Amino acid sequence: MRKNQILNPLGHRHSLFLSLILPINIFWLILFFLGYPLPHIDDLAFTGAAVNLARNGDYFNPLLAVWNERLLERFYIQPPFSQYTLAAWLWLFGVSTRSFLLFQCLCYNIFSIFTALIFRKYGFSKIATAFTIVCFAFWMLNVGLRCEALGMAFLAVGVWSLTKDTPLRYFWGFFFLGASILTTPISLAYAVPFGLAIAKVNWDSAASINRSYLQQRIGAWLAAFSLNSLLFLVCIKFQLSLFIQDMAWHSSFRRAPFQQAFAEILFLMQHGYGELIYSSLFLCHFCLCLVVLVRRKKFSKKLVAIVILMNLGIALNFFIYFRAITGAISFFSWVCITLILDEITYKHSPFRLLVTSLVTIVFFLNQSLTIVTLAGIHQEPQSSYQEISNYVRSHPNQNYAIDSIAARFVFDYHLPPRSIDWSFSNRAPLFWPTSLSQKPPNRTWIISSFSTTFMPETPDIPKIKLLGRTFNTLSSHPYHVMIIE
């Protein structure tokens, strides 16, 4: 009997490793070795403070010196947990492209594994888990080295921790949910409803509710809140008023009145390829959610609750930062669609083929821009990057503005002294230059053809041609790097 008690947990863990953890690790490691994710325009802005902190112990981003002077003293325009976590990683493993990508790979693995455990806990299929991870991979592909990966990893760990009703798991659950908010603020939209919902499920399932039960859970929340608050204040050197001022200043560039935000989203969905990419997704999401809510007696209470919570999170996300419509909002729309489809597939067989076919079509429409870009991109020869590197070595005293593509492929993130981020080389609230006339005479630009796509004075960049169609807004050589003196 004793032997069986020992072997059963070991067998369960072995099965869990082979069926869940190992496939997820292999998936993300394959993408890592392929150079995933792609460079993003915000890479230097979101990593510069961490690099400076790891190298010099100073918490500011020197690459944003031109954008605003306050950024030469501190980096309080976003919550600090992502920069400090990344700085610790870079201090241990060094600053390089491989180090950055491996850090992101670790975050993707953590999110995927704990999301899979959550889905497993609540009875969703492995297919739903796999499809959610694929949707996450498409989202992360287009955000580069931004902090969303770490924030989502913390969010998944926090939600999973709350699924077991013990004081210790509550402490870690609330701690990681708080850490996700102090990594990327849009996590607030999902951490609050998910955390409260799981706490309510645990409450309903508890054998008995007494004073001790309440004291332990509230105590766990207070302890987690206190620890997060202390770490946060230490990170910002207890300069709370300065942090609030800088966050308010930075967020003012992203906020908009409701009417303007709604108008921008309608424009996004109605122009260019938006009708295919976004309108199809949100129409599919709306229709499936409406079916679940109208015919809720035919669906499980679990799914109805998830649909309500997911849409509440999406609505909060919209009000916090509406431009996340192409990122977090789209991803959580796909999660909602996936879980609805999972139940329809197994419980509503007459509609299974029709709904699955429609969702598949919508998925490929929604990801069509990314698929076309991946299929049409041409890699640049390493010799062209070496020529630029040689130029910089022979001109050590020049001032450089460098974009994220050049930073990765030419410099491996070891930028020359006095470099700035080209994408933030205008004065705030402006960002990247849109004309060669904006280049200061004493600064040399080292930028990619992606950055010059909409500059009328630059040479015409070859566009992606696929299946007999030319995509005039997509460069086939976005990683071609040039020097503009």
Protein backbone atom coordinates (compact mmCIF):
# COMPACT_ATOMS: atom_id res chain seq x y z
CA MET A 1 0.00 0.00 0.00
CA ARG A 2 2.77 2.40 0.96
CA LYS A 3 4.62 1.62 -2.28
CA ASN A 4 1.54 2.39 -4.38
CA GLN A 5 1.08 5.71 -2.60
CA ILE A 6 4.62 6.66 -3.55
CA LEU A 7 4.46 5.39 -7.14
CA ASN A 8 1.13 7.01 -8.03
CA PRO A 9 2.28 10.64 -7.49
CA LEU A 10 5.52 9.87 -9.31
CA GLY A 11 3.62 8.38 -12.22
CA HIS A 12 1.26 11.37 -12.28
CA ARG A 13 4.17 13.82 -12.39
CA HIS A 14 5.92 11.80 -15.10
CA SER A 15 2.73 11.78 -17.18
CA LEU A 16 2.25 15.52 -16.62
CA PHE A 17 5.80 16.21 -17.75
CA LEU A 18 5.54 14.12 -20.92
CA SER A 19 2.05 15.22 -21.94
CA LEU A 20 2.17 18.90 -21.03
CA ILE A 21 5.46 20.44 -19.95
CA LEU A 22 7.81 18.77 -22.45
CA PRO A 23 5.77 19.60 -25.60
CA ILE A 24 5.43 23.22 -24.50
CA ASN A 25 9.18 23.51 -23.84
CA ILE A 26 10.01 21.98 -27.22
CA PHE A 27 7.60 24.34 -29.01
CA TRP A 28 9.10 27.48 -27.51
CA LEU A 29 12.71 26.29 -27.84
CA ILE A 30 12.19 25.68 -31.56
CA LEU A 31 10.92 29.25 -31.92
CA PHE A 32 13.82 30.53 -29.81
CA PHE A 33 16.39 28.93 -32.13
CA LEU A 34 14.55 30.48 -35.09
CA GLY A 35 15.15 33.96 -33.61
CA TYR A 36 11.67 34.46 -32.16
CA PRO A 37 10.28 37.05 -31.50
CA LEU A 38 10.77 39.54 -34.31
CA PRO A 39 12.32 42.94 -33.51
CA HIS A 40 9.83 45.58 -32.40
CA ILE A 41 10.01 49.36 -32.60
CA ASP A 42 9.81 49.59 -28.77
CA ASP A 43 12.60 47.11 -27.99
CA LEU A 44 15.22 49.67 -26.96
CA ALA A 45 12.74 51.76 -25.01
CA PHE A 46 11.59 48.73 -23.01
CA THR A 47 15.05 47.25 -22.35
CA GLY A 48 17.40 50.24 -22.08
CA ALA A 49 16.75 50.89 -18.39
CA ALA A 50 17.30 47.21 -17.54
CA VAL A 51 20.59 47.16 -19.46
CA ASN A 52 21.77 50.32 -17.70
CA LEU A 53 20.69 48.94 -14.32
CA ALA A 54 22.53 45.65 -14.91
CA ARG A 55 25.72 47.36 -16.10
CA ASN A 56 25.93 50.49 -13.97
CA GLY A 57 23.34 50.14 -11.22
CA ASP A 58 21.47 53.25 -12.44
CA TYR A 59 17.73 53.06 -13.08
CA PHE A 60 17.19 55.22 -16.15
CA ASN A 61 17.25 54.72 -19.92
CA PRO A 62 20.03 56.77 -21.58
CA LEU A 63 18.70 55.80 -25.02
CA LEU A 64 15.69 58.08 -24.42
CA ALA A 65 17.80 61.13 -23.55
CA VAL A 66 16.50 63.26 -26.43
CA TRP A 67 12.86 62.34 -25.95
CA ASN A 68 12.60 63.91 -22.49
CA GLU A 69 15.18 65.08 -19.95
CA ARG A 70 13.47 63.40 -16.99
CA LEU A 71 14.40 60.03 -18.49
CA LEU A 72 18.07 60.80 -17.85
CA GLU A 73 17.36 60.74 -14.11
CA ARG A 74 14.79 57.96 -13.69
CA PHE A 75 12.59 55.53 -15.59
CA TYR A 76 9.20 55.95 -13.99
CA ILE A 77 7.06 56.00 -17.13
CA GLN A 78 6.09 52.37 -16.57
CA PRO A 79 5.91 50.07 -13.52
CA PRO A 80 9.37 48.86 -12.47
CA PHE A 81 9.05 45.09 -12.02
CA SER A 82 9.81 44.23 -15.65
CA GLN A 83 13.01 46.30 -15.74
CA TYR A 84 14.33 44.97 -12.44
CA THR A 85 13.52 41.36 -13.33
CA LEU A 86 15.17 41.71 -16.73
CA ALA A 87 18.16 43.52 -15.19
CA ALA A 88 18.73 40.60 -12.80
CA TRP A 89 18.66 38.22 -15.76
CA LEU A 90 21.11 40.36 -17.78
CA TRP A 91 23.42 40.67 -14.79
CA LEU A 92 23.56 36.87 -14.59
CA PHE A 93 23.68 35.98 -18.30
CA GLY A 94 25.01 39.10 -20.00
CA VAL A 95 23.61 41.54 -22.55
CA SER A 96 23.15 39.94 -25.96
CA THR A 97 20.43 39.07 -28.43
CA ARG A 98 20.48 35.44 -27.31
CA SER A 99 20.14 36.47 -23.66
CA PHE A 100 17.13 38.70 -24.38
CA LEU A 101 15.42 36.06 -26.50
CA LEU A 102 16.06 33.35 -23.90
CA PHE A 103 14.49 35.54 -21.20
CA GLN A 104 11.42 35.99 -23.38
CA CYS A 105 11.38 32.25 -24.09
CA LEU A 106 11.34 31.55 -20.35
CA CYS A 107 8.39 33.92 -19.90
CA TYR A 108 6.49 32.25 -22.76
CA ASN A 109 7.11 28.83 -21.21
CA ILE A 110 5.90 29.93 -17.78
CA PHE A 111 2.73 31.47 -19.19
CA SER A 112 1.99 28.45 -21.38
CA ILE A 113 2.63 25.81 -18.71
CA PHE A 114 0.52 27.51 -16.04
CA THR A 115 -2.24 28.31 -18.53
CA ALA A 116 -2.27 24.63 -19.50
CA LEU A 117 -2.53 23.67 -15.82
CA ILE A 118 -5.45 26.08 -15.36
CA PHE A 119 -7.25 24.66 -18.41
CA ARG A 120 -6.58 21.14 -17.12
CA LYS A 121 -7.95 22.05 -13.70
CA TYR A 122 -11.24 23.28 -15.18
CA GLY A 123 -11.68 20.47 -17.69
CA PHE A 124 -10.77 22.08 -21.01
CA SER A 125 -9.21 19.94 -23.71
CA LYS A 126 -5.59 19.72 -24.78
CA ILE A 127 -6.65 21.07 -28.18
CA ALA A 128 -8.01 24.23 -26.52
CA THR A 129 -4.74 24.56 -24.61
CA ALA A 130 -2.62 24.12 -27.73
CA PHE A 131 -4.67 26.60 -29.76
CA THR A 132 -4.48 29.20 -26.97
CA ILE A 133 -0.69 28.84 -26.91
CA VAL A 134 -0.56 29.27 -30.70
CA CYS A 135 -2.66 32.45 -30.43
CA PHE A 136 -0.31 33.67 -27.69
CA ALA A 137 2.68 32.95 -29.95
CA PHE A 138 1.18 35.05 -32.75
CA TRP A 139 0.61 37.91 -30.29
CA MET A 140 4.10 37.75 -28.78
CA LEU A 141 5.68 37.55 -32.24
CA ASN A 142 4.66 41.16 -32.82
CA VAL A 143 5.56 42.74 -29.46
CA GLY A 144 9.29 41.98 -29.44
CA LEU A 145 11.03 42.51 -26.12
CA ARG A 146 8.22 44.48 -24.49
CA CYS A 147 7.11 43.59 -20.97
CA GLU A 148 3.84 41.84 -21.93
CA ALA A 149 5.50 38.40 -21.87
CA LEU A 150 6.64 38.76 -18.25
CA GLY A 151 3.33 40.32 -17.23
CA MET A 152 1.37 37.44 -18.74
CA ALA A 153 3.69 34.91 -17.07
CA PHE A 154 3.03 36.50 -13.66
CA LEU A 155 -0.71 36.63 -14.42
CA ALA A 156 -0.87 32.91 -15.28
CA VAL A 157 1.11 31.90 -12.17
CA GLY A 158 -1.13 34.08 -10.01
CA VAL A 159 -4.38 32.68 -11.39
CA TRP A 160 -3.12 29.09 -11.10
CA SER A 161 -1.98 29.64 -7.50
CA LEU A 162 -5.48 30.71 -6.51
CA THR A 163 -7.03 27.51 -7.87
CA LYS A 164 -6.10 25.69 -4.65
CA ASP A 165 -7.83 27.01 -1.55
CA THR A 166 -4.98 27.24 0.97
CA PRO A 167 -3.55 30.35 2.67
CA LEU A 168 -0.09 29.80 1.17
CA ARG A 169 -1.44 29.43 -2.37
CA TYR A 170 -3.60 32.52 -1.83
CA PHE A 171 -0.53 34.48 -0.79
CA TRP A 172 1.39 33.50 -3.93
CA GLY A 173 -1.69 33.99 -6.07
CA PHE A 174 -2.28 37.55 -4.90
CA PHE A 175 1.45 38.27 -4.99
CA PHE A 176 1.86 37.25 -8.63
CA LEU A 177 -1.36 38.97 -9.69
CA GLY A 178 -0.01 42.14 -8.10
CA ALA A 179 3.37 41.56 -9.76
CA SER A 180 1.64 41.29 -13.14
CA ILE A 181 0.02 44.70 -12.60
CA LEU A 182 3.37 46.18 -11.51
CA THR A 183 4.88 44.77 -14.70
CA THR A 184 2.30 45.87 -17.25
CA PRO A 185 -0.74 47.92 -16.14
CA ILE A 186 -3.19 46.32 -18.59
CA SER A 187 -2.92 43.15 -16.47
CA LEU A 188 -5.19 44.97 -14.01
CA ALA A 189 -8.09 44.40 -16.42
CA TYR A 190 -7.72 40.62 -16.11
CA ALA A 191 -6.06 40.09 -12.72
CA VAL A 192 -8.94 41.64 -10.76
CA PRO A 193 -11.91 39.78 -12.32
CA PHE A 194 -10.05 36.46 -12.61
CA GLY A 195 -8.74 36.66 -9.04
CA LEU A 196 -12.12 37.58 -7.55
CA ALA A 197 -13.91 34.92 -9.59
CA ILE A 198 -11.63 32.08 -8.48
CA ALA A 199 -11.83 33.26 -4.88
CA LYS A 200 -15.65 33.11 -5.21
CA VAL A 201 -15.45 29.57 -6.64
CA ASN A 202 -13.25 28.51 -3.72
CA TRP A 203 -15.66 30.15 -1.28
CA ASP A 204 -18.60 28.22 -2.73
CA SER A 205 -16.65 24.95 -2.65
CA ALA A 206 -15.31 25.31 0.88
CA ALA A 207 -16.56 22.73 3.37
CA SER A 208 -17.09 25.41 6.02
CA ILE A 209 -16.70 29.16 6.18
CA ASN A 210 -15.71 30.48 9.59
CA ARG A 211 -13.73 33.34 11.07
CA SER A 212 -10.44 31.45 10.75
CA TYR A 213 -11.03 30.83 7.03
CA LEU A 214 -11.67 34.52 6.38
CA GLN A 215 -8.77 35.70 8.52
CA GLN A 216 -6.30 33.42 6.75
CA ARG A 217 -7.36 34.48 3.23
CA ILE A 218 -7.53 38.17 4.06
CA GLY A 219 -4.18 37.86 5.83
CA ALA A 220 -2.70 36.22 2.73
CA TRP A 221 -3.95 39.10 0.59
CA LEU A 222 -2.59 41.71 3.02
CA ALA A 223 0.80 39.97 3.17
CA ALA A 224 1.01 39.77 -0.64
CA PHE A 225 -0.09 43.39 -1.01
CA SER A 226 2.46 44.52 1.59
CA LEU A 227 5.32 42.62 -0.06
CA ASN A 228 4.44 43.94 -3.52
CA SER A 229 4.17 47.48 -2.15
CA LEU A 230 7.53 47.23 -0.39
CA LEU A 231 9.29 45.87 -3.49
CA PHE A 232 7.65 48.54 -5.63
CA LEU A 233 8.74 51.37 -3.32
CA VAL A 234 12.29 50.00 -3.12
CA CYS A 235 12.44 49.85 -6.93
CA ILE A 236 11.43 53.51 -7.25
CA LYS A 237 13.57 54.57 -4.27
CA PHE A 238 10.41 55.58 -2.37
CA GLN A 239 9.85 58.46 -4.84
CA LEU A 240 6.13 57.77 -5.13
CA SER A 241 5.08 61.31 -6.08
CA LEU A 242 7.64 61.44 -8.91
CA PHE A 243 6.50 58.03 -10.14
CA ILE A 244 2.86 59.14 -10.22
CA GLN A 245 3.79 62.34 -12.07
CA ASP A 246 5.85 60.50 -14.68
CA MET A 247 3.25 57.78 -15.19
CA ALA A 248 0.53 60.40 -15.61
CA TRP A 249 2.69 62.34 -18.07
CA HIS A 250 3.42 59.25 -20.15
CA SER A 251 -0.12 57.87 -20.04
CA SER A 252 -1.47 61.21 -21.29
CA PHE A 253 -0.04 60.31 -24.72
CA ARG A 254 -2.10 57.13 -24.78
CA ARG A 255 -5.39 58.28 -23.33
CA ALA A 256 -8.20 59.62 -25.46
CA PRO A 257 -11.84 60.62 -24.89
CA PHE A 258 -14.24 57.73 -25.36
CA GLN A 259 -15.62 59.17 -28.60
CA GLN A 260 -12.12 59.52 -30.09
CA ALA A 261 -11.08 56.05 -28.94
CA PHE A 262 -14.20 54.53 -30.44
CA ALA A 263 -13.64 56.46 -33.69
CA GLU A 264 -10.03 55.22 -33.91
CA ILE A 265 -11.11 51.63 -33.42
CA LEU A 266 -13.81 51.95 -36.09
CA PHE A 267 -11.19 53.40 -38.45
CA LEU A 268 -8.87 50.48 -37.69
CA MET A 269 -11.62 47.97 -38.42
CA GLN A 270 -12.95 49.64 -41.57
CA HIS A 271 -9.85 50.69 -43.52
CA GLY A 272 -7.09 48.82 -45.29
CA TYR A 273 -7.06 45.19 -44.24
CA GLY A 274 -8.80 45.97 -40.95
CA GLU A 275 -12.11 44.64 -42.23
CA LEU A 276 -10.54 41.21 -42.63
CA ILE A 277 -8.08 41.25 -39.73
CA TYR A 278 -10.08 42.79 -36.89
CA SER A 279 -13.72 43.04 -37.93
CA SER A 280 -13.90 39.30 -38.60
CA LEU A 281 -12.41 38.49 -35.19
CA PHE A 282 -14.66 40.77 -33.15
CA LEU A 283 -17.78 39.79 -35.10
CA CYS A 284 -17.00 36.12 -34.43
CA HIS A 285 -16.31 36.87 -30.76
CA PHE A 286 -19.53 38.86 -30.37
CA CYS A 287 -21.71 36.24 -32.06
CA LEU A 288 -20.35 33.28 -30.08
CA CYS A 289 -20.58 35.15 -26.76
CA LEU A 290 -24.13 36.21 -27.59
CA VAL A 291 -25.11 32.60 -28.32
CA VAL A 292 -23.66 31.46 -24.99
CA LEU A 293 -25.41 34.18 -23.00
CA VAL A 294 -28.78 33.91 -24.77
CA ARG A 295 -28.82 30.10 -24.64
CA ARG A 296 -26.95 29.84 -21.35
CA LYS A 297 -29.07 26.93 -20.09
CA LYS A 298 -27.55 24.74 -22.81
CA PHE A 299 -24.00 25.57 -21.75
CA SER A 300 -22.16 24.82 -18.54
CA LYS A 301 -22.26 27.41 -15.76
CA LYS A 302 -18.47 27.36 -15.86
CA LEU A 303 -18.37 28.52 -19.49
CA VAL A 304 -21.04 31.19 -18.97
CA ALA A 305 -19.07 32.60 -16.04
CA ILE A 306 -15.83 32.56 -18.06
CA VAL A 307 -17.47 34.37 -20.98
CA ILE A 308 -18.81 37.08 -18.66
CA LEU A 309 -15.44 37.48 -16.91
CA MET A 310 -13.47 37.52 -20.15
CA ASN A 311 -15.68 40.22 -21.63
CA LEU A 312 -15.48 42.21 -18.41
CA GLY A 313 -11.69 42.04 -18.64
CA ILE A 314 -11.74 43.09 -22.30
CA ALA A 315 -14.00 46.04 -21.46
CA LEU A 316 -11.67 47.13 -18.63
CA ASN A 317 -8.68 46.71 -20.95
CA PHE A 318 -10.39 48.98 -23.48
CA PHE A 319 -10.85 51.75 -20.92
CA ILE A 320 -7.32 51.38 -19.51
CA TYR A 321 -5.58 51.36 -22.89
CA PHE A 322 -7.78 51.08 -25.97
CA ARG A 323 -4.84 50.76 -28.40
CA ALA A 324 -4.26 47.27 -26.99
CA ILE A 325 -7.01 46.18 -29.39
CA THR A 326 -4.33 44.67 -31.65
CA GLY A 327 -2.64 42.92 -28.72
CA ALA A 328 -4.13 41.86 -25.39
CA ILE A 329 -7.74 42.51 -26.41
CA SER A 330 -7.40 40.41 -29.55
CA PHE A 331 -5.64 37.63 -27.64
CA PHE A 332 -8.28 37.39 -24.92
CA SER A 333 -10.97 37.47 -27.60
CA TRP A 334 -9.30 34.38 -29.05
CA VAL A 335 -9.15 32.73 -25.62
CA CYS A 336 -12.88 33.34 -25.21
CA ILE A 337 -13.63 31.95 -28.69
CA THR A 338 -11.41 28.92 -28.03
CA LEU A 339 -13.16 27.94 -24.79
CA ILE A 340 -16.61 28.38 -26.34
CA LEU A 341 -15.58 26.28 -29.34
CA ASP A 342 -14.15 23.64 -27.02
CA GLU A 343 -17.51 23.12 -25.34
CA ILE A 344 -19.47 23.29 -28.59
CA THR A 345 -17.18 20.68 -30.11
CA TYR A 346 -17.76 18.16 -27.33
CA LYS A 347 -21.35 18.91 -26.33
CA HIS A 348 -23.13 20.41 -29.33
CA SER A 349 -22.14 18.07 -32.15
CA PRO A 350 -24.72 19.28 -34.76
CA PHE A 351 -22.94 22.65 -34.96
CA ARG A 352 -19.40 21.37 -34.49
CA LEU A 353 -18.24 21.30 -38.10
CA LEU A 354 -19.86 24.62 -39.05
CA VAL A 355 -18.54 26.60 -36.09
CA THR A 356 -15.07 25.04 -36.29
CA SER A 357 -14.83 25.88 -40.00
CA LEU A 358 -15.91 29.49 -39.44
CA VAL A 359 -13.47 29.98 -36.56
CA THR A 360 -10.64 28.49 -38.64
CA ILE A 361 -11.37 30.92 -41.49
CA VAL A 362 -11.52 33.86 -39.07
CA PHE A 363 -8.23 32.81 -37.47
CA PHE A 364 -6.35 32.81 -40.78
CA LEU A 365 -7.96 36.12 -41.75
CA ASN A 366 -6.96 37.63 -38.41
CA GLN A 367 -3.37 36.39 -38.71
CA SER A 368 -3.09 36.97 -42.46
CA LEU A 369 -0.89 40.06 -42.13
CA THR A 370 1.58 38.20 -39.92
CA ILE A 371 1.57 35.13 -42.17
CA VAL A 372 2.17 37.22 -45.30
CA THR A 373 4.99 39.11 -43.55
CA LEU A 374 6.71 35.91 -42.42
CA ALA A 375 6.36 34.34 -45.86
CA GLY A 376 7.64 37.39 -47.74
CA ILE A 377 10.57 38.59 -45.61
CA HIS A 378 14.08 38.14 -46.99
CA GLN A 379 16.97 37.83 -44.54
CA GLU A 380 19.99 40.09 -45.04
CA PRO A 381 23.56 38.76 -45.44
CA GLN A 382 25.68 39.06 -42.32
CA SER A 383 28.38 40.82 -44.37
CA SER A 384 26.18 43.90 -44.78
CA TYR A 385 25.88 44.20 -40.99
CA GLN A 386 29.63 43.74 -40.61
CA GLU A 387 30.28 46.69 -42.93
CA ILE A 388 28.18 48.95 -40.72
CA SER A 389 29.90 47.65 -37.60
CA ASN A 390 33.28 48.43 -39.18
CA TYR A 391 32.09 51.95 -40.00
CA VAL A 392 31.11 52.59 -36.38
CA ARG A 393 34.46 51.31 -35.11
CA SER A 394 36.27 53.69 -37.45
CA HIS A 395 34.07 56.65 -36.33
CA PRO A 396 33.99 56.25 -32.53
CA ASN A 397 33.30 59.90 -31.72
CA GLN A 398 30.09 60.32 -33.69
CA ASN A 399 26.63 60.54 -32.16
CA TYR A 400 24.31 57.79 -33.37
CA ALA A 401 20.56 57.23 -33.50
CA ILE A 402 19.91 53.51 -33.84
CA ASP A 403 16.66 51.63 -34.32
CA SER A 404 15.76 48.28 -32.77
CA ILE A 405 16.54 46.24 -35.89
CA ALA A 406 20.05 47.65 -36.17
CA ALA A 407 20.53 47.20 -32.42
CA ARG A 408 19.82 43.48 -32.71
CA PHE A 409 21.42 42.48 -36.00
CA VAL A 410 24.38 44.89 -36.20
CA PHE A 411 25.35 45.53 -32.58
CA ASP A 412 23.94 42.55 -30.64
CA TYR A 413 22.64 45.22 -28.23
CA HIS A 414 26.16 46.52 -27.48
CA LEU A 415 25.50 50.04 -28.74
CA PRO A 416 28.17 52.71 -29.28
CA PRO A 417 28.60 55.39 -26.58
CA ARG A 418 26.24 58.39 -26.84
CA SER A 419 23.72 56.39 -28.86
CA ILE A 420 20.01 57.10 -28.62
CA ASP A 421 16.92 55.20 -29.68
CA TRP A 422 15.99 56.44 -33.16
CA SER A 423 12.32 55.62 -32.52
CA PHE A 424 12.30 58.20 -29.71
CA SER A 425 14.67 60.75 -31.24
CA ASN A 426 12.05 63.49 -31.54
CA ARG A 427 10.94 65.57 -28.60
CA ALA A 428 7.98 64.19 -26.63
CA PRO A 429 5.12 63.81 -27.35
CA LEU A 430 6.43 63.01 -30.86
CA PHE A 431 8.24 59.73 -31.43
CA TRP A 432 10.18 58.68 -34.54
CA PRO A 433 11.15 61.05 -37.38
CA THR A 434 9.01 61.00 -40.51
CA SER A 435 11.37 62.90 -42.79
CA LEU A 436 15.11 63.19 -43.43
CA SER A 437 14.78 66.91 -42.73
CA GLN A 438 14.32 66.01 -39.05
CA LYS A 439 17.81 64.52 -38.80
CA PRO A 440 20.17 66.74 -36.77
CA PRO A 441 23.40 67.49 -38.67
CA ASN A 442 25.57 66.23 -35.80
CA ARG A 443 23.89 62.82 -35.51
CA THR A 444 24.27 59.78 -37.77
CA TRP A 445 21.30 57.50 -38.26
CA ILE A 446 21.78 53.72 -38.39
CA ILE A 447 18.33 52.46 -39.22
CA SER A 448 16.53 49.72 -41.12
CA SER A 449 14.45 49.99 -44.25
CA PHE A 450 11.46 49.25 -42.01
CA SER A 451 12.02 52.62 -40.32
CA THR A 452 12.23 54.47 -43.64
CA THR A 453 9.10 52.92 -45.16
CA PHE A 454 7.11 56.14 -44.99
CA MET A 455 9.95 58.61 -45.56
CA PRO A 456 9.41 60.17 -49.00
CA GLU A 457 13.10 61.11 -49.47
CA THR A 458 14.47 57.57 -49.06
CA PRO A 459 14.87 55.09 -51.93
CA ASP A 460 11.87 52.93 -52.73
CA ILE A 461 11.98 49.73 -50.69
CA PRO A 462 11.04 46.44 -52.39
CA LYS A 463 7.61 45.28 -51.28
CA ILE A 464 6.39 41.79 -50.47
CA LYS A 465 5.02 39.93 -53.49
CA LEU A 466 3.04 36.80 -52.78
CA LEU A 467 0.72 34.77 -55.01
CA GLY A 468 0.81 37.44 -57.69
CA ARG A 469 -0.14 40.27 -55.32
CA THR A 470 2.05 43.16 -54.18
CA PHE A 471 1.58 44.39 -50.61
CA ASN A 472 2.54 48.06 -50.87
CA THR A 473 2.84 48.66 -47.11
CA LEU A 474 4.98 45.59 -46.37
CA SER A 475 8.72 45.66 -47.06
CA SER A 476 10.30 42.43 -48.27
CA HIS A 477 13.66 43.58 -46.83
CA PRO A 478 12.71 45.18 -43.48
CA TYR A 479 16.05 44.13 -41.94
CA HIS A 480 18.22 45.93 -44.47
CA VAL A 481 20.21 48.44 -42.39
CA MET A 482 21.63 51.68 -43.77
CA ILE A 483 23.78 54.58 -42.58
CA ILE A 484 22.46 58.11 -43.07
CA GLU A 485 25.14 60.68 -42.25
